[in-house]
Amino acid sequence: MPGLSGVELNRDQASQGGKTFGEGVGQAATAPLDDLNLRRQEVPEVLIAARRTPYATAGLQRCSAVVAQIDALDEALGPDVDQPSPATGTGDQAANAALDMVRDTATDFIPLRSWVRRLSGAAAHDREVQAAIRAGLVRRGFLKGIAHQRRCTRTAG
């Protein structure tokens, strides 16, 4: 029947949105654990290394080594601005909005939240995570510059 393909598409998007919500609801509901510094976001080793030496060139003699480091940073940071980002359907968008509401509601129960985050060390940890992410972004840009200068490709060895 004509017009039913749109119904299938909406059903698929709703199903994906339900899956996204189901995967994230536990994390959103327990967000106060982050504020109390009882749960910490782990920083990938590749970002810790980038923070220590963002412009290091040791071990980058071969294109394959440069590309491998770029790939490791892509895995930790997600797609770069020159890469396609994964498409999100309306189901995912609705699920993410609902998860934001759950997270906001859960964290609103903490009185003087900013002070709790400061005193628990959660705010300092968040600053460390953000610094590691920034260093990873800088490192990835540096490595992409090296790869471009050497005319490295994903298949180059």
C-alpha atoms as a PDB file:
ATOM      1  CA  MET A   1       0.000   0.000   0.000  1.00  0.00           C
ATOM      2  CA  PRO A   2       1.279   3.444  -0.779  1.00  0.00           C
ATOM      3  CA  GLY A   3       2.222   5.551   2.215  1.00  0.00           C
ATOM      4  CA  LEU A   4       2.906   2.661   4.592  1.00  0.00           C
ATOM      5  CA  SER A   5       6.691   2.983   4.281  1.00  0.00           C
ATOM      6  CA  GLY A   6       6.462   6.121   6.430  1.00  0.00           C
ATOM      7  CA  VAL A   7       4.633   4.145   9.105  1.00  0.00           C
ATOM      8  CA  GLU A   8       7.403   1.519   9.115  1.00  0.00           C
ATOM      9  CA  LEU A   9      10.031   4.250   9.351  1.00  0.00           C
ATOM     10  CA  ASN A  10       8.233   5.859  12.319  1.00  0.00           C
ATOM     11  CA  ARG A  11       7.890   2.462  14.010  1.00  0.00           C
ATOM     12  CA  ASP A  12      11.630   1.830  13.567  1.00  0.00           C
ATOM     13  CA  GLN A  13      12.494   5.275  14.951  1.00  0.00           C
ATOM     14  CA  ALA A  14      10.200   4.767  17.943  1.00  0.00           C
ATOM     15  CA  SER A  15      11.770   1.382  18.590  1.00  0.00           C
ATOM     16  CA  GLN A  16      15.278   2.885  18.426  1.00  0.00           C
ATOM     17  CA  GLY A  17      14.182   5.703  20.768  1.00  0.00           C
ATOM     18  CA  GLY A  18      12.863   3.184  23.273  1.00  0.00           C
ATOM     19  CA  LYS A  19      16.142   1.293  23.123  1.00  0.00           C
ATOM     20  CA  THR A  20      18.147   4.516  23.639  1.00  0.00           C
ATOM     21  CA  PHE A  21      16.000   5.482  26.610  1.00  0.00           C
ATOM     22  CA  GLY A  22      16.254   2.010  28.138  1.00  0.00           C
ATOM     23  CA  GLU A  23      20.045   2.019  27.825  1.00  0.00           C
ATOM     24  CA  GLY A  24      20.431   5.465  29.386  1.00  0.00           C
ATOM     25  CA  VAL A  25      17.754   5.655  32.079  1.00  0.00           C
ATOM     26  CA  GLY A  26      19.869   3.984  34.771  1.00  0.00           C
ATOM     27  CA  GLN A  27      22.762   6.357  34.139  1.00  0.00           C
ATOM     28  CA  ALA A  28      20.446   9.380  34.182  1.00  0.00           C
ATOM     29  CA  ALA A  29      18.610   8.331  37.352  1.00  0.00           C
ATOM     30  CA  THR A  30      21.857   7.788  39.239  1.00  0.00           C
ATOM     31  CA  ALA A  31      23.391  11.120  38.170  1.00  0.00           C
ATOM     32  CA  PRO A  32      23.521  12.302  41.814  1.00  0.00           C
ATOM     33  CA  LEU A  33      26.245   9.680  42.369  1.00  0.00           C
ATOM     34  CA  ASP A  34      28.427  11.759  40.044  1.00  0.00           C
ATOM     35  CA  ASP A  35      27.698  14.896  42.080  1.00  0.00           C
ATOM     36  CA  LEU A  36      28.674  13.123  45.289  1.00  0.00           C
ATOM     37  CA  ASN A  37      31.847  11.817  43.592  1.00  0.00           C
ATOM     38  CA  LEU A  38      30.754   8.227  44.257  1.00  0.00           C
ATOM     39  CA  ARG A  39      30.884   7.400  40.546  1.00  0.00           C
ATOM     40  CA  ARG A  40      33.572   8.791  38.279  1.00  0.00           C
ATOM     41  CA  GLN A  41      33.874   8.938  34.542  1.00  0.00           C
ATOM     42  CA  GLU A  42      36.937   6.949  33.519  1.00  0.00           C
ATOM     43  CA  VAL A  43      39.385   8.783  31.285  1.00  0.00           C
ATOM     44  CA  PRO A  44      40.785   6.634  28.451  1.00  0.00           C
ATOM     45  CA  GLU A  45      44.552   6.154  28.572  1.00  0.00           C
ATOM     46  CA  VAL A  46      44.942   7.706  25.107  1.00  0.00           C
ATOM     47  CA  LEU A  47      43.556  11.004  26.481  1.00  0.00           C
ATOM     48  CA  ILE A  48      45.772  10.869  29.568  1.00  0.00           C
ATOM     49  CA  ALA A  49      48.798  10.390  27.293  1.00  0.00           C
ATOM     50  CA  ALA A  50      47.633  13.273  25.083  1.00  0.00           C
ATOM     51  CA  ARG A  51      47.439  15.503  28.133  1.00  0.00           C
ATOM     52  CA  ARG A  52      51.020  14.658  29.134  1.00  0.00           C
ATOM     53  CA  THR A  53      52.561  15.147  25.667  1.00  0.00           C
ATOM     54  CA  PRO A  54      50.149  16.524  23.062  1.00  0.00           C
ATOM     55  CA  TYR A  55      52.879  17.257  20.513  1.00  0.00           C
ATOM     56  CA  ALA A  56      55.114  14.199  20.932  1.00  0.00           C
ATOM     57  CA  THR A  57      56.477  12.713  17.718  1.00  0.00           C
ATOM     58  CA  ALA A  58      58.240   9.660  19.122  1.00  0.00           C
ATOM     59  CA  GLY A  59      57.068   6.474  17.442  1.00  0.00           C
ATOM     60  CA  LEU A  60      55.459   8.289  14.507  1.00  0.00           C
ATOM     61  CA  GLN A  61      57.981   7.345  11.821  1.00  0.00           C
ATOM     62  CA  ARG A  62      55.447   5.316   9.827  1.00  0.00           C
ATOM     63  CA  CYS A  63      52.073   6.423   8.519  1.00  0.00           C
ATOM     64  CA  SER A  64      50.479   3.348  10.067  1.00  0.00           C
ATOM     65  CA  ALA A  65      51.537   4.561  13.541  1.00  0.00           C
ATOM     66  CA  VAL A  66      50.092   8.025  12.907  1.00  0.00           C
ATOM     67  CA  VAL A  67      46.815   6.601  11.605  1.00  0.00           C
ATOM     68  CA  ALA A  68      46.605   4.140  14.527  1.00  0.00           C
ATOM     69  CA  GLN A  69      46.888   7.008  17.021  1.00  0.00           C
ATOM     70  CA  ILE A  70      44.251   9.018  15.159  1.00  0.00           C
ATOM     71  CA  ASP A  71      41.953   5.978  15.225  1.00  0.00           C
ATOM     72  CA  ALA A  72      42.510   5.527  18.980  1.00  0.00           C
ATOM     73  CA  LEU A  73      41.625   9.180  19.581  1.00  0.00           C
ATOM     74  CA  ASP A  74      38.554   8.860  17.331  1.00  0.00           C
ATOM     75  CA  GLU A  75      37.441   5.907  19.461  1.00  0.00           C
ATOM     76  CA  ALA A  76      37.831   7.910  22.678  1.00  0.00           C
ATOM     77  CA  LEU A  77      36.482  11.250  21.424  1.00  0.00           C
ATOM     78  CA  GLY A  78      33.939  10.294  18.788  1.00  0.00           C
ATOM     79  CA  PRO A  79      33.892  11.577  15.221  1.00  0.00           C
ATOM     80  CA  ASP A  80      35.933  14.644  14.306  1.00  0.00           C
ATOM     81  CA  VAL A  81      34.406  17.603  12.461  1.00  0.00           C
ATOM     82  CA  ASP A  82      35.577  16.213   9.113  1.00  0.00           C
ATOM     83  CA  GLN A  83      33.835  12.873   9.687  1.00  0.00           C
ATOM     84  CA  PRO A  84      30.144  12.111   9.316  1.00  0.00           C
ATOM     85  CA  SER A  85      28.346  12.022  12.637  1.00  0.00           C
ATOM     86  CA  PRO A  86      25.875   9.229  13.293  1.00  0.00           C
ATOM     87  CA  ALA A  87      22.373  10.215  12.292  1.00  0.00           C
ATOM     88  CA  THR A  88      19.807  10.445  15.071  1.00  0.00           C
ATOM     89  CA  GLY A  89      16.177   9.884  14.311  1.00  0.00           C
ATOM     90  CA  THR A  90      13.227  11.482  16.024  1.00  0.00           C
ATOM     91  CA  GLY A  91      12.984   8.496  18.362  1.00  0.00           C
ATOM     92  CA  ASP A  92      16.532   9.058  19.618  1.00  0.00           C
ATOM     93  CA  GLN A  93      15.922  12.796  19.941  1.00  0.00           C
ATOM     94  CA  ALA A  94      12.822  12.184  22.058  1.00  0.00           C
ATOM     95  CA  ALA A  95      14.662   9.606  24.161  1.00  0.00           C
ATOM     96  CA  ASN A  96      17.560  12.002  24.774  1.00  0.00           C
ATOM     97  CA  ALA A  97      15.146  14.765  25.811  1.00  0.00           C
ATOM     98  CA  ALA A  98      13.438  12.377  28.228  1.00  0.00           C
ATOM     99  CA  LEU A  99      16.810  11.272  29.632  1.00  0.00           C
ATOM    100  CA  ASP A 100      17.752  14.919  30.183  1.00  0.00           C
ATOM    101  CA  MET A 101      14.537  15.377  32.157  1.00  0.00           C
ATOM    102  CA  VAL A 102      15.254  12.285  34.289  1.00  0.00           C
ATOM    103  CA  ARG A 103      18.828  13.469  34.924  1.00  0.00           C
ATOM    104  CA  ASP A 104      17.700  17.009  35.798  1.00  0.00           C
ATOM    105  CA  THR A 105      14.986  15.734  38.132  1.00  0.00           C
ATOM    106  CA  ALA A 106      17.387  13.375  39.878  1.00  0.00           C
ATOM    107  CA  THR A 107      20.036  16.047  40.406  1.00  0.00           C
ATOM    108  CA  ASP A 108      17.516  18.699  41.506  1.00  0.00           C
ATOM    109  CA  PHE A 109      17.052  16.777  44.747  1.00  0.00           C
ATOM    110  CA  ILE A 110      20.543  17.739  45.920  1.00  0.00           C
ATOM    111  CA  PRO A 111      20.408  20.983  47.889  1.00  0.00           C
ATOM    112  CA  LEU A 112      23.274  23.396  47.168  1.00  0.00           C
ATOM    113  CA  ARG A 113      24.408  21.108  44.366  1.00  0.00           C
ATOM    114  CA  SER A 114      27.335  23.278  43.245  1.00  0.00           C
ATOM    115  CA  TRP A 115      28.767  23.286  46.777  1.00  0.00           C
ATOM    116  CA  VAL A 116      28.283  19.534  47.115  1.00  0.00           C
ATOM    117  CA  ARG A 117      30.133  19.028  43.803  1.00  0.00           C
ATOM    118  CA  ARG A 118      32.991  21.255  44.971  1.00  0.00           C
ATOM    119  CA  LEU A 119      33.317  19.677  48.400  1.00  0.00           C
ATOM    120  CA  SER A 120      33.044  16.103  47.125  1.00  0.00           C
ATOM    121  CA  GLY A 121      35.727  16.626  44.480  1.00  0.00           C
ATOM    122  CA  ALA A 122      33.308  15.935  41.622  1.00  0.00           C
ATOM    123  CA  ALA A 123      33.775  19.404  40.120  1.00  0.00           C
ATOM    124  CA  ALA A 124      37.568  19.014  40.134  1.00  0.00           C
ATOM    125  CA  HIS A 125      37.279  15.583  38.517  1.00  0.00           C
ATOM    126  CA  ASP A 126      35.010  17.032  35.816  1.00  0.00           C
ATOM    127  CA  ARG A 127      37.626  19.713  35.102  1.00  0.00           C
ATOM    128  CA  GLU A 128      40.281  16.971  34.771  1.00  0.00           C
ATOM    129  CA  VAL A 129      38.075  15.031  32.343  1.00  0.00           C
ATOM    130  CA  GLN A 130      37.423  18.161  30.256  1.00  0.00           C
ATOM    131  CA  ALA A 131      41.157  18.984  30.189  1.00  0.00           C
ATOM    132  CA  ALA A 132      41.917  15.458  28.961  1.00  0.00           C
ATOM    133  CA  ILE A 133      39.275  15.793  26.233  1.00  0.00           C
ATOM    134  CA  ARG A 134      40.727  19.141  25.109  1.00  0.00           C
ATOM    135  CA  ALA A 135      44.227  17.621  25.010  1.00  0.00           C
ATOM    136  CA  GLY A 136      42.884  14.713  22.965  1.00  0.00           C
ATOM    137  CA  LEU A 137      41.311  17.108  20.479  1.00  0.00           C
ATOM    138  CA  VAL A 138      44.593  19.021  20.188  1.00  0.00           C
ATOM    139  CA  ARG A 139      46.555  15.785  19.755  1.00  0.00           C
ATOM    140  CA  ARG A 140      44.187  14.514  17.071  1.00  0.00           C
ATOM    141  CA  GLY A 141      44.534  17.778  15.136  1.00  0.00           C
ATOM    142  CA  PHE A 142      48.318  17.616  15.467  1.00  0.00           C
ATOM    143  CA  LEU A 143      48.389  14.024  14.217  1.00  0.00           C
ATOM    144  CA  LYS A 144      46.079  14.840  11.318  1.00  0.00           C
ATOM    145  CA  GLY A 145      48.473  17.628  10.349  1.00  0.00           C
ATOM    146  CA  ILE A 146      51.378  15.165  10.352  1.00  0.00           C
ATOM    147  CA  ALA A 147      49.321  12.671   8.326  1.00  0.00           C
ATOM    148  CA  HIS A 148      48.401  15.370   5.808  1.00  0.00           C
ATOM    149  CA  GLN A 149      51.999  16.571   5.492  1.00  0.00           C
ATOM    150  CA  ARG A 150      53.227  12.990   4.882  1.00  0.00           C
ATOM    151  CA  ARG A 151      50.273  12.194   2.598  1.00  0.00           C
ATOM    152  CA  CYS A 152      49.265   9.290   4.838  1.00  0.00           C
ATOM    153  CA  THR A 153      46.036   7.468   4.078  1.00  0.00           C
ATOM    154  CA  ARG A 154      44.065   4.956   6.129  1.00  0.00           C
ATOM    155  CA  THR A 155      45.635   2.139   4.120  1.00  0.00           C
ATOM    156  CA  ALA A 156      49.200   3.551   4.086  1.00  0.00           C
ATOM    157  CA  GLY A 157      51.849   1.543   5.883  1.00  0.00           C
END
